[in-house]
Amino acid sequence: MTKRSSLRSLLLATGSFIGGVTLGVLLTPRNGRETRHWVSSQASELSDWMSKHHRTARQKGETELHNIRQNVHKGLRRNIPDLYEATENIDLSDDGLTGA
């Protein structure tokens, strides 16, 4: 699906949802005060739900990122030699360098 088609679908779905909610609020048998209270409580519940899921998703994302970083570091350490360890037995004295 192309970006334009995806955007159109998203806009259509969002518009339909908002239209349905608006129509439902207008046709409700409750009076204005009850409807406002109901909408307010539903918005509060939705906000709490979104906050909870946002925290959960963030924690999972941070955990996954940490695991990926650890795996990359392990892979690098395994595949790239430590130059200090690789060169510790090389004689770098003046005699060793000149071959005398």
PDB file of N, CA and C in Angstrom:
ATOM      1  N   MET A   1       0.843  -1.162   0.000  1.00  0.00           N
ATOM      2  CA  MET A   1       0.000   0.000   0.000  1.00  0.00           C
ATOM      3  C   MET A   1       0.900   1.240   0.000  1.00  0.00           C
ATOM      4  N   THR A   2       0.554   2.229  -0.800  1.00  0.00           N
ATOM      5  CA  THR A   2       1.368   3.430  -0.882  1.00  0.00           C
ATOM      6  C   THR A   2       1.091   4.346   0.296  1.00  0.00           C
ATOM      7  N   LYS A   3       1.985   5.322   0.474  1.00  0.00           N
ATOM      8  CA  LYS A   3       1.807   6.269   1.575  1.00  0.00           C
ATOM      9  C   LYS A   3       0.528   7.080   1.408  1.00  0.00           C
ATOM     10  N   ARG A   4       0.257   7.486   0.180  1.00  0.00           N
ATOM     11  CA  ARG A   4      -0.937   8.292  -0.077  1.00  0.00           C
ATOM     12  C   ARG A   4      -2.193   7.500   0.251  1.00  0.00           C
ATOM     13  N   SER A   5      -2.236   6.243  -0.155  1.00  0.00           N
ATOM     14  CA  SER A   5      -3.389   5.389   0.113  1.00  0.00           C
ATOM     15  C   SER A   5      -3.528   5.144   1.617  1.00  0.00           C
ATOM     16  N   SER A   6      -2.410   4.936   2.295  1.00  0.00           N
ATOM     17  CA  SER A   6      -2.446   4.731   3.742  1.00  0.00           C
ATOM     18  C   SER A   6      -2.957   5.975   4.447  1.00  0.00           C
ATOM     19  N   LEU A   7      -2.492   7.143   4.003  1.00  0.00           N
ATOM     20  CA  LEU A   7      -2.935   8.396   4.609  1.00  0.00           C
ATOM     21  C   LEU A   7      -4.426   8.605   4.382  1.00  0.00           C
ATOM     22  N   ARG A   8      -4.877   8.309   3.182  1.00  0.00           N
ATOM     23  CA  ARG A   8      -6.313   8.433   2.878  1.00  0.00           C
ATOM     24  C   ARG A   8      -7.140   7.507   3.763  1.00  0.00           C
ATOM     25  N   SER A   9      -6.689   6.287   3.918  1.00  0.00           N
ATOM     26  CA  SER A   9      -7.409   5.321   4.753  1.00  0.00           C
ATOM     27  C   SER A   9      -7.444   5.781   6.201  1.00  0.00           C
ATOM     28  N   LEU A  10      -6.317   6.296   6.695  1.00  0.00           N
ATOM     29  CA  LEU A  10      -6.253   6.785   8.067  1.00  0.00           C
ATOM     30  C   LEU A  10      -7.199   7.968   8.262  1.00  0.00           C
ATOM     31  N   LEU A  11      -7.176   8.904   7.316  1.00  0.00           N
ATOM     32  CA  LEU A  11      -8.068  10.061   7.417  1.00  0.00           C
ATOM     33  C   LEU A  11      -9.534   9.645   7.348  1.00  0.00           C
ATOM     34  N   LEU A  12      -9.850   8.707   6.495  1.00  0.00           N
ATOM     35  CA  LEU A  12     -11.228   8.224   6.379  1.00  0.00           C
ATOM     36  C   LEU A  12     -11.674   7.548   7.678  1.00  0.00           C
ATOM     37  N   ALA A  13     -10.809   6.711   8.230  1.00  0.00           N
ATOM     38  CA  ALA A  13     -11.146   6.017   9.475  1.00  0.00           C
ATOM     39  C   ALA A  13     -11.300   7.013  10.618  1.00  0.00           C
ATOM     40  N   THR A  14     -10.390   7.987  10.696  1.00  0.00           N
ATOM     41  CA  THR A  14     -10.466   8.989  11.763  1.00  0.00           C
ATOM     42  C   THR A  14     -11.722   9.834  11.619  1.00  0.00           C
ATOM     43  N   GLY A  15     -12.009  10.279  10.400  1.00  0.00           N
ATOM     44  CA  GLY A  15     -13.215  11.074  10.159  1.00  0.00           C
ATOM     45  C   GLY A  15     -14.479  10.299  10.481  1.00  0.00           C
ATOM     46  N   SER A  16     -14.516   9.041  10.102  1.00  0.00           N
ATOM     47  CA  SER A  16     -15.683   8.200  10.395  1.00  0.00           C
ATOM     48  C   SER A  16     -15.863   8.025  11.892  1.00  0.00           C
ATOM     49  N   PHE A  17     -14.766   7.808  12.593  1.00  0.00           N
ATOM     50  CA  PHE A  17     -14.836   7.639  14.042  1.00  0.00           C
ATOM     51  C   PHE A  17     -15.369   8.902  14.709  1.00  0.00           C
ATOM     52  N   ILE A  18     -14.800  10.046  14.339  1.00  0.00           N
ATOM     53  CA  ILE A  18     -15.228  11.317  14.939  1.00  0.00           C
ATOM     54  C   ILE A  18     -16.695  11.598  14.591  1.00  0.00           C
ATOM     55  N   GLY A  19     -17.080  11.328  13.341  1.00  0.00           N
ATOM     56  CA  GLY A  19     -18.480  11.519  12.952  1.00  0.00           C
ATOM     57  C   GLY A  19     -19.409  10.619  13.737  1.00  0.00           C
ATOM     58  N   GLY A  20     -19.013   9.374  13.943  1.00  0.00           N
ATOM     59  CA  GLY A  20     -19.841   8.441  14.711  1.00  0.00           C
ATOM     60  C   GLY A  20     -19.984   8.860  16.159  1.00  0.00           C
ATOM     61  N   VAL A  21     -18.897   9.306  16.753  1.00  0.00           N
ATOM     62  CA  VAL A  21     -18.954   9.763  18.149  1.00  0.00           C
ATOM     63  C   VAL A  21     -19.842  10.998  18.253  1.00  0.00           C
ATOM     64  N   THR A  22     -19.671  11.935  17.322  1.00  0.00           N
ATOM     65  CA  THR A  22     -20.480  13.154  17.339  1.00  0.00           C
ATOM     66  C   THR A  22     -21.966  12.830  17.189  1.00  0.00           C
ATOM     67  N   LEU A  23     -22.282  11.975  16.245  1.00  0.00           N
ATOM     68  CA  LEU A  23     -23.671  11.585  16.031  1.00  0.00           C
ATOM     69  C   LEU A  23     -24.229  10.872  17.269  1.00  0.00           C
ATOM     70  N   GLY A  24     -23.428  10.018  17.854  1.00  0.00           N
ATOM     71  CA  GLY A  24     -23.870   9.313  19.054  1.00  0.00           C
ATOM     72  C   GLY A  24     -24.137  10.254  20.219  1.00  0.00           C
ATOM     73  N   VAL A  25     -23.288  11.260  20.376  1.00  0.00           N
ATOM     74  CA  VAL A  25     -23.484  12.231  21.464  1.00  0.00           C
ATOM     75  C   VAL A  25     -24.728  13.065  21.208  1.00  0.00           C
ATOM     76  N   LEU A  26     -24.930  13.445  19.958  1.00  0.00           N
ATOM     77  CA  LEU A  26     -26.103  14.276  19.638  1.00  0.00           C
ATOM     78  C   LEU A  26     -27.416  13.513  19.802  1.00  0.00           C
ATOM     79  N   LEU A  27     -27.413  12.225  19.553  1.00  0.00           N
ATOM     80  CA  LEU A  27     -28.651  11.442  19.605  1.00  0.00           C
ATOM     81  C   LEU A  27     -28.855  10.706  20.931  1.00  0.00           C
ATOM     82  N   THR A  28     -27.990  10.944  21.900  1.00  0.00           N
ATOM     83  CA  THR A  28     -28.101  10.246  23.179  1.00  0.00           C
ATOM     84  C   THR A  28     -29.349  10.702  23.934  1.00  0.00           C
ATOM     85  N   PRO A  29     -29.995   9.797  24.679  1.00  0.00           N
ATOM     86  CA  PRO A  29     -31.190  10.178  25.439  1.00  0.00           C
ATOM     87  C   PRO A  29     -30.863  10.943  26.734  1.00  0.00           C
ATOM     88  N   ARG A  30     -29.606  11.097  27.037  1.00  0.00           N
ATOM     89  CA  ARG A  30     -29.221  11.813  28.259  1.00  0.00           C
ATOM     90  C   ARG A  30     -29.298  13.318  28.037  1.00  0.00           C
ATOM     91  N   ASN A  31     -29.402  14.051  29.162  1.00  0.00           N
ATOM     92  CA  ASN A  31     -29.385  15.502  29.035  1.00  0.00           C
ATOM     93  C   ASN A  31     -27.928  15.979  28.908  1.00  0.00           C
ATOM     94  N   GLY A  32     -27.735  17.250  28.667  1.00  0.00           N
ATOM     95  CA  GLY A  32     -26.414  17.811  28.401  1.00  0.00           C
ATOM     96  C   GLY A  32     -25.411  17.583  29.517  1.00  0.00           C
ATOM     97  N   ARG A  33     -25.835  17.776  30.757  1.00  0.00           N
ATOM     98  CA  ARG A  33     -24.930  17.623  31.898  1.00  0.00           C
ATOM     99  C   ARG A  33     -24.463  16.171  32.020  1.00  0.00           C
ATOM    100  N   GLU A  34     -25.393  15.227  31.904  1.00  0.00           N
ATOM    101  CA  GLU A  34     -25.022  13.805  31.985  1.00  0.00           C
ATOM    102  C   GLU A  34     -24.085  13.415  30.849  1.00  0.00           C
ATOM    103  N   THR A  35     -24.377  13.922  29.655  1.00  0.00           N
ATOM    104  CA  THR A  35     -23.535  13.599  28.501  1.00  0.00           C
ATOM    105  C   THR A  35     -22.131  14.150  28.685  1.00  0.00           C
ATOM    106  N   ARG A  36     -22.018  15.407  29.155  1.00  0.00           N
ATOM    107  CA  ARG A  36     -20.692  15.998  29.390  1.00  0.00           C
ATOM    108  C   ARG A  36     -19.927  15.221  30.454  1.00  0.00           C
ATOM    109  N   HIS A  37     -20.637  14.803  31.509  1.00  0.00           N
ATOM    110  CA  HIS A  37     -19.984  14.016  32.559  1.00  0.00           C
ATOM    111  C   HIS A  37     -19.497  12.676  31.998  1.00  0.00           C
ATOM    112  N   TRP A  38     -20.343  12.025  31.203  1.00  0.00           N
ATOM    113  CA  TRP A  38     -19.969  10.738  30.608  1.00  0.00           C
ATOM    114  C   TRP A  38     -18.768  10.899  29.686  1.00  0.00           C
ATOM    115  N   VAL A  39     -18.795  11.928  28.821  1.00  0.00           N
ATOM    116  CA  VAL A  39     -17.674  12.166  27.899  1.00  0.00           C
ATOM    117  C   VAL A  39     -16.405  12.452  28.691  1.00  0.00           C
ATOM    118  N   SER A  40     -16.519  13.252  29.738  1.00  0.00           N
ATOM    119  CA  SER A  40     -15.359  13.578  30.570  1.00  0.00           C
ATOM    120  C   SER A  40     -14.778  12.335  31.235  1.00  0.00           C
ATOM    121  N   SER A  41     -15.641  11.475  31.765  1.00  0.00           N
ATOM    122  CA  SER A  41     -15.148  10.258  32.427  1.00  0.00           C
ATOM    123  C   SER A  41     -14.518   9.305  31.415  1.00  0.00           C
ATOM    124  N   GLN A  42     -15.131   9.205  30.231  1.00  0.00           N
ATOM    125  CA  GLN A  42     -14.554   8.342  29.197  1.00  0.00           C
ATOM    126  C   GLN A  42     -13.203   8.870  28.733  1.00  0.00           C
ATOM    127  N   ALA A  43     -13.082  10.177  28.588  1.00  0.00           N
ATOM    128  CA  ALA A  43     -11.811  10.780  28.181  1.00  0.00           C
ATOM    129  C   ALA A  43     -10.753  10.546  29.253  1.00  0.00           C
ATOM    130  N   SER A  44     -11.148  10.635  30.510  1.00  0.00           N
ATOM    131  CA  SER A  44     -10.212  10.392  31.604  1.00  0.00           C
ATOM    132  C   SER A  44      -9.740   8.936  31.600  1.00  0.00           C
ATOM    133  N   GLU A  45     -10.683   8.008  31.406  1.00  0.00           N
ATOM    134  CA  GLU A  45     -10.315   6.590  31.338  1.00  0.00           C
ATOM    135  C   GLU A  45      -9.392   6.310  30.146  1.00  0.00           C
ATOM    136  N   LEU A  46      -9.701   6.930  29.011  1.00  0.00           N
ATOM    137  CA  LEU A  46      -8.864   6.755  27.825  1.00  0.00           C
ATOM    138  C   LEU A  46      -7.470   7.305  28.067  1.00  0.00           C
ATOM    139  N   SER A  47      -7.399   8.445  28.721  1.00  0.00           N
ATOM    140  CA  SER A  47      -6.102   9.048  29.035  1.00  0.00           C
ATOM    141  C   SER A  47      -5.290   8.141  29.958  1.00  0.00           C
ATOM    142  N   ASP A  48      -5.930   7.591  30.973  1.00  0.00           N
ATOM    143  CA  ASP A  48      -5.246   6.668  31.883  1.00  0.00           C
ATOM    144  C   ASP A  48      -4.761   5.421  31.140  1.00  0.00           C
ATOM    145  N   TRP A  49      -5.628   4.885  30.279  1.00  0.00           N
ATOM    146  CA  TRP A  49      -5.261   3.693  29.505  1.00  0.00           C
ATOM    147  C   TRP A  49      -4.070   3.984  28.604  1.00  0.00           C
ATOM    148  N   MET A  50      -4.109   5.134  27.930  1.00  0.00           N
ATOM    149  CA  MET A  50      -3.011   5.491  27.034  1.00  0.00           C
ATOM    150  C   MET A  50      -1.712   5.709  27.816  1.00  0.00           C
ATOM    151  N   SER A  51      -1.793   6.348  28.972  1.00  0.00           N
ATOM    152  CA  SER A  51      -0.601   6.570  29.795  1.00  0.00           C
ATOM    153  C   SER A  51       0.012   5.245  30.233  1.00  0.00           C
ATOM    154  N   LYS A  52      -0.845   4.327  30.661  1.00  0.00           N
ATOM    155  CA  LYS A  52      -0.366   3.015  31.101  1.00  0.00           C
ATOM    156  C   LYS A  52       0.328   2.285  29.949  1.00  0.00           C
ATOM    157  N   HIS A  53      -0.305   2.261  28.793  1.00  0.00           N
ATOM    158  CA  HIS A  53       0.270   1.555  27.652  1.00  0.00           C
ATOM    159  C   HIS A  53       1.508   2.272  27.111  1.00  0.00           C
ATOM    160  N   HIS A  54       1.546   3.581  27.233  1.00  0.00           N
ATOM    161  CA  HIS A  54       2.730   4.329  26.824  1.00  0.00           C
ATOM    162  C   HIS A  54       3.910   3.948  27.706  1.00  0.00           C
ATOM    163  N   ARG A  55       3.677   3.891  29.012  1.00  0.00           N
ATOM    164  CA  ARG A  55       4.765   3.499  29.934  1.00  0.00           C
ATOM    165  C   ARG A  55       5.238   2.086  29.638  1.00  0.00           C
ATOM    166  N   THR A  56       4.298   1.178  29.426  1.00  0.00           N
ATOM    167  CA  THR A  56       4.650  -0.211  29.133  1.00  0.00           C
ATOM    168  C   THR A  56       5.451  -0.312  27.842  1.00  0.00           C
ATOM    169  N   ALA A  57       4.982   0.377  26.801  1.00  0.00           N
ATOM    170  CA  ALA A  57       5.692   0.343  25.518  1.00  0.00           C
ATOM    171  C   ALA A  57       7.079   0.959  25.647  1.00  0.00           C
ATOM    172  N   ARG A  58       7.180   2.031  26.395  1.00  0.00           N
ATOM    173  CA  ARG A  58       8.485   2.679  26.585  1.00  0.00           C
ATOM    174  C   ARG A  58       9.450   1.755  27.314  1.00  0.00           C
ATOM    175  N   GLN A  59       8.966   1.100  28.373  1.00  0.00           N
ATOM    176  CA  GLN A  59       9.819   0.170  29.115  1.00  0.00           C
ATOM    177  C   GLN A  59      10.270  -0.984  28.226  1.00  0.00           C
ATOM    178  N   LYS A  60       9.351  -1.543  27.447  1.00  0.00           N
ATOM    179  CA  LYS A  60       9.715  -2.639  26.546  1.00  0.00           C
ATOM    180  C   LYS A  60      10.716  -2.161  25.499  1.00  0.00           C
ATOM    181  N   GLY A  61      10.502  -0.965  24.966  1.00  0.00           N
ATOM    182  CA  GLY A  61      11.419  -0.413  23.977  1.00  0.00           C
ATOM    183  C   GLY A  61      12.807  -0.195  24.551  1.00  0.00           C
ATOM    184  N   GLU A  62      12.868   0.345  25.775  1.00  0.00           N
ATOM    185  CA  GLU A  62      14.163   0.564  26.413  1.00  0.00           C
ATOM    186  C   GLU A  62      14.862  -0.759  26.685  1.00  0.00           C
ATOM    187  N   THR A  63      14.109  -1.772  27.105  1.00  0.00           N
ATOM    188  CA  THR A  63      14.688  -3.092  27.355  1.00  0.00           C
ATOM    189  C   THR A  63      15.229  -3.687  26.060  1.00  0.00           C
ATOM    190  N   GLU A  64      14.448  -3.604  24.991  1.00  0.00           N
ATOM    191  CA  GLU A  64      14.892  -4.139  23.700  1.00  0.00           C
ATOM    192  C   GLU A  64      16.126  -3.399  23.199  1.00  0.00           C
ATOM    193  N   LEU A  65      16.143  -2.079  23.340  1.00  0.00           N
ATOM    194  CA  LEU A  65      17.299  -1.296  22.913  1.00  0.00           C
ATOM    195  C   LEU A  65      18.536  -1.681  23.715  1.00  0.00           C
ATOM    196  N   HIS A  66      18.365  -1.879  25.002  1.00  0.00           N
ATOM    197  CA  HIS A  66      19.483  -2.301  25.853  1.00  0.00           C
ATOM    198  C   HIS A  66      20.015  -3.664  25.397  1.00  0.00           C
ATOM    199  N   ASN A  67      19.101  -4.596  25.120  1.00  0.00           N
ATOM    200  CA  ASN A  67      19.516  -5.928  24.649  1.00  0.00           C
ATOM    201  C   ASN A  67      20.241  -5.851  23.311  1.00  0.00           C
ATOM    202  N   ILE A  68      19.751  -5.008  22.414  1.00  0.00           N
ATOM    203  CA  ILE A  68      20.405  -4.853  21.114  1.00  0.00           C
ATOM    204  C   ILE A  68      21.805  -4.288  21.295  1.00  0.00           C
ATOM    205  N   ARG A  69      21.933  -3.273  22.150  1.00  0.00           N
ATOM    206  CA  ARG A  69      23.255  -2.686  22.410  1.00  0.00           C
ATOM    207  C   ARG A  69      24.209  -3.721  22.975  1.00  0.00           C
ATOM    208  N   GLN A  70      23.734  -4.517  23.923  1.00  0.00           N
ATOM    209  CA  GLN A  70      24.587  -5.552  24.508  1.00  0.00           C
ATOM    210  C   GLN A  70      25.028  -6.554  23.446  1.00  0.00           C
ATOM    211  N   ASN A  71      24.108  -6.972  22.587  1.00  0.00           N
ATOM    212  CA  ASN A  71      24.454  -7.932  21.540  1.00  0.00           C
ATOM    213  C   ASN A  71      25.460  -7.348  20.553  1.00  0.00           C
ATOM    214  N   VAL A  72      25.310  -6.081  20.219  1.00  0.00           N
ATOM    215  CA  VAL A  72      26.264  -5.436  19.311  1.00  0.00           C
ATOM    216  C   VAL A  72      27.635  -5.381  19.962  1.00  0.00           C
ATOM    217  N   HIS A  73      27.686  -4.978  21.235  1.00  0.00           N
ATOM    218  CA  HIS A  73      28.973  -4.907  21.934  1.00  0.00           C
ATOM    219  C   HIS A  73      29.626  -6.292  22.044  1.00  0.00           C
ATOM    220  N   LYS A  74      28.826  -7.301  22.339  1.00  0.00           N
ATOM    221  CA  LYS A  74      29.368  -8.664  22.422  1.00  0.00           C
ATOM    222  C   LYS A  74      29.908  -9.107  21.067  1.00  0.00           C
ATOM    223  N   GLY A  75      29.157  -8.818  20.007  1.00  0.00           N
ATOM    224  CA  GLY A  75      29.598  -9.188  18.663  1.00  0.00           C
ATOM    225  C   GLY A  75      30.875  -8.477  18.277  1.00  0.00           C
ATOM    226  N   LEU A  76      30.973  -7.227  18.625  1.00  0.00           N
ATOM    227  CA  LEU A  76      32.196  -6.483  18.311  1.00  0.00           C
ATOM    228  C   LEU A  76      33.382  -7.036  19.092  1.00  0.00           C
ATOM    229  N   ARG A  77      33.178  -7.297  20.371  1.00  0.00           N
ATOM    230  CA  ARG A  77      34.280  -7.836  21.190  1.00  0.00           C
ATOM    231  C   ARG A  77      34.715  -9.208  20.688  1.00  0.00           C
ATOM    232  N   ARG A  78      33.779  -9.991  20.209  1.00  0.00           N
ATOM    233  CA  ARG A  78      34.090 -11.335  19.741  1.00  0.00           C
ATOM    234  C   ARG A  78      34.822 -11.299  18.391  1.00  0.00           C
ATOM    235  N   ASN A  79      34.455 -10.367  17.525  1.00  0.00           N
ATOM    236  CA  ASN A  79      34.981 -10.345  16.168  1.00  0.00           C
ATOM    237  C   ASN A  79      36.138  -9.368  15.943  1.00  0.00           C
ATOM    238  N   ILE A  80      36.311  -8.410  16.819  1.00  0.00           N
ATOM    239  CA  ILE A  80      37.416  -7.463  16.688  1.00  0.00           C
ATOM    240  C   ILE A  80      38.352  -7.697  17.859  1.00  0.00           C
ATOM    241  N   PRO A  81      39.600  -8.056  17.583  1.00  0.00           N
ATOM    242  CA  PRO A  81      40.518  -8.378  18.679  1.00  0.00           C
ATOM    243  C   PRO A  81      40.881  -7.131  19.486  1.00  0.00           C
ATOM    244  N   ASP A  82      41.186  -7.365  20.743  1.00  0.00           N
ATOM    245  CA  ASP A  82      41.662  -6.294  21.605  1.00  0.00           C
ATOM    246  C   ASP A  82      43.120  -6.037  21.241  1.00  0.00           C
ATOM    247  N   LEU A  83      43.418  -4.853  20.765  1.00  0.00           N
ATOM    248  CA  LEU A  83      44.764  -4.555  20.283  1.00  0.00           C
ATOM    249  C   LEU A  83      45.800  -4.599  21.399  1.00  0.00           C
ATOM    250  N   TYR A  84      45.414  -4.290  22.618  1.00  0.00           N
ATOM    251  CA  TYR A  84      46.370  -4.358  23.732  1.00  0.00           C
ATOM    252  C   TYR A  84      46.772  -5.810  23.984  1.00  0.00           C
ATOM    253  N   GLU A  85      45.787  -6.703  23.974  1.00  0.00           N
ATOM    254  CA  GLU A  85      46.100  -8.114  24.170  1.00  0.00           C
ATOM    255  C   GLU A  85      46.853  -8.681  22.975  1.00  0.00           C
ATOM    256  N   ALA A  86      46.502  -8.270  21.772  1.00  0.00           N
ATOM    257  CA  ALA A  86      47.130  -8.803  20.570  1.00  0.00           C
ATOM    258  C   ALA A  86      48.584  -8.354  20.434  1.00  0.00           C
ATOM    259  N   THR A  87      48.934  -7.231  21.023  1.00  0.00           N
ATOM    260  CA  THR A  87      50.296  -6.701  20.857  1.00  0.00           C
ATOM    261  C   THR A  87      51.131  -6.767  22.128  1.00  0.00           C
ATOM    262  N   GLU A  88      50.642  -7.416  23.180  1.00  0.00           N
ATOM    263  CA  GLU A  88      51.387  -7.413  24.435  1.00  0.00           C
ATOM    264  C   GLU A  88      52.679  -8.222  24.358  1.00  0.00           C
ATOM    265  N   ASN A  89      52.799  -9.172  23.465  1.00  0.00           N
ATOM    266  CA  ASN A  89      54.009  -9.992  23.360  1.00  0.00           C
ATOM    267  C   ASN A  89      54.998  -9.469  22.320  1.00  0.00           C
ATOM    268  N   ILE A  90      54.683  -8.355  21.701  1.00  0.00           N
ATOM    269  CA  ILE A  90      55.605  -7.784  20.712  1.00  0.00           C
ATOM    270  C   ILE A  90      56.684  -7.002  21.457  1.00  0.00           C
ATOM    271  N   ASP A  91      57.919  -7.258  21.115  1.00  0.00           N
ATOM    272  CA  ASP A  91      59.040  -6.580  21.748  1.00  0.00           C
ATOM    273  C   ASP A  91      59.217  -5.222  21.093  1.00  0.00           C
ATOM    274  N   LEU A  92      58.963  -4.173  21.851  1.00  0.00           N
ATOM    275  CA  LEU A  92      59.058  -2.829  21.317  1.00  0.00           C
ATOM    276  C   LEU A  92      60.268  -2.077  21.870  1.00  0.00           C
ATOM    277  N   SER A  93      61.225  -2.794  22.419  1.00  0.00           N
ATOM    278  CA  SER A  93      62.431  -2.135  22.893  1.00  0.00           C
ATOM    279  C   SER A  93      63.274  -1.752  21.683  1.00  0.00           C
ATOM    280  N   ASP A  94      64.301  -0.941  21.907  1.00  0.00           N
ATOM    281  CA  ASP A  94      65.188  -0.539  20.806  1.00  0.00           C
ATOM    282  C   ASP A  94      65.854  -1.758  20.165  1.00  0.00           C
ATOM    283  N   ASP A  95      66.214  -2.743  20.961  1.00  0.00           N
ATOM    284  CA  ASP A  95      66.842  -3.936  20.425  1.00  0.00           C
ATOM    285  C   ASP A  95      65.849  -4.736  19.570  1.00  0.00           C
ATOM    286  N   GLY A  96      64.633  -4.799  20.038  1.00  0.00           N
ATOM    287  CA  GLY A  96      63.628  -5.568  19.310  1.00  0.00           C
ATOM    288  C   GLY A  96      63.230  -4.897  18.011  1.00  0.00           C
ATOM    289  N   LEU A  97      63.271  -3.583  17.972  1.00  0.00           N
ATOM    290  CA  LEU A  97      62.881  -2.872  16.768  1.00  0.00           C
ATOM    291  C   LEU A  97      63.964  -2.894  15.697  1.00  0.00           C
ATOM    292  N   THR A  98      65.221  -2.850  16.129  1.00  0.00           N
ATOM    293  CA  THR A  98      66.317  -2.817  15.148  1.00  0.00           C
ATOM    294  C   THR A  98      66.741  -4.208  14.724  1.00  0.00           C
ATOM    295  N   GLY A  99      66.326  -5.183  15.483  1.00  0.00           N
ATOM    296  CA  GLY A  99      66.683  -6.557  15.143  1.00  0.00           C
ATOM    297  C   GLY A  99      68.074  -6.937  15.614  1.00  0.00           C
ATOM    298  N   ALA A 100      68.701  -6.098  16.417  1.00  0.00           N
ATOM    299  CA  ALA A 100      70.059  -6.371  16.893  1.00  0.00           C
ATOM    300  C   ALA A 100      70.086  -7.313  18.059  1.00  0.00           C
TER     301      ALA A 100
END
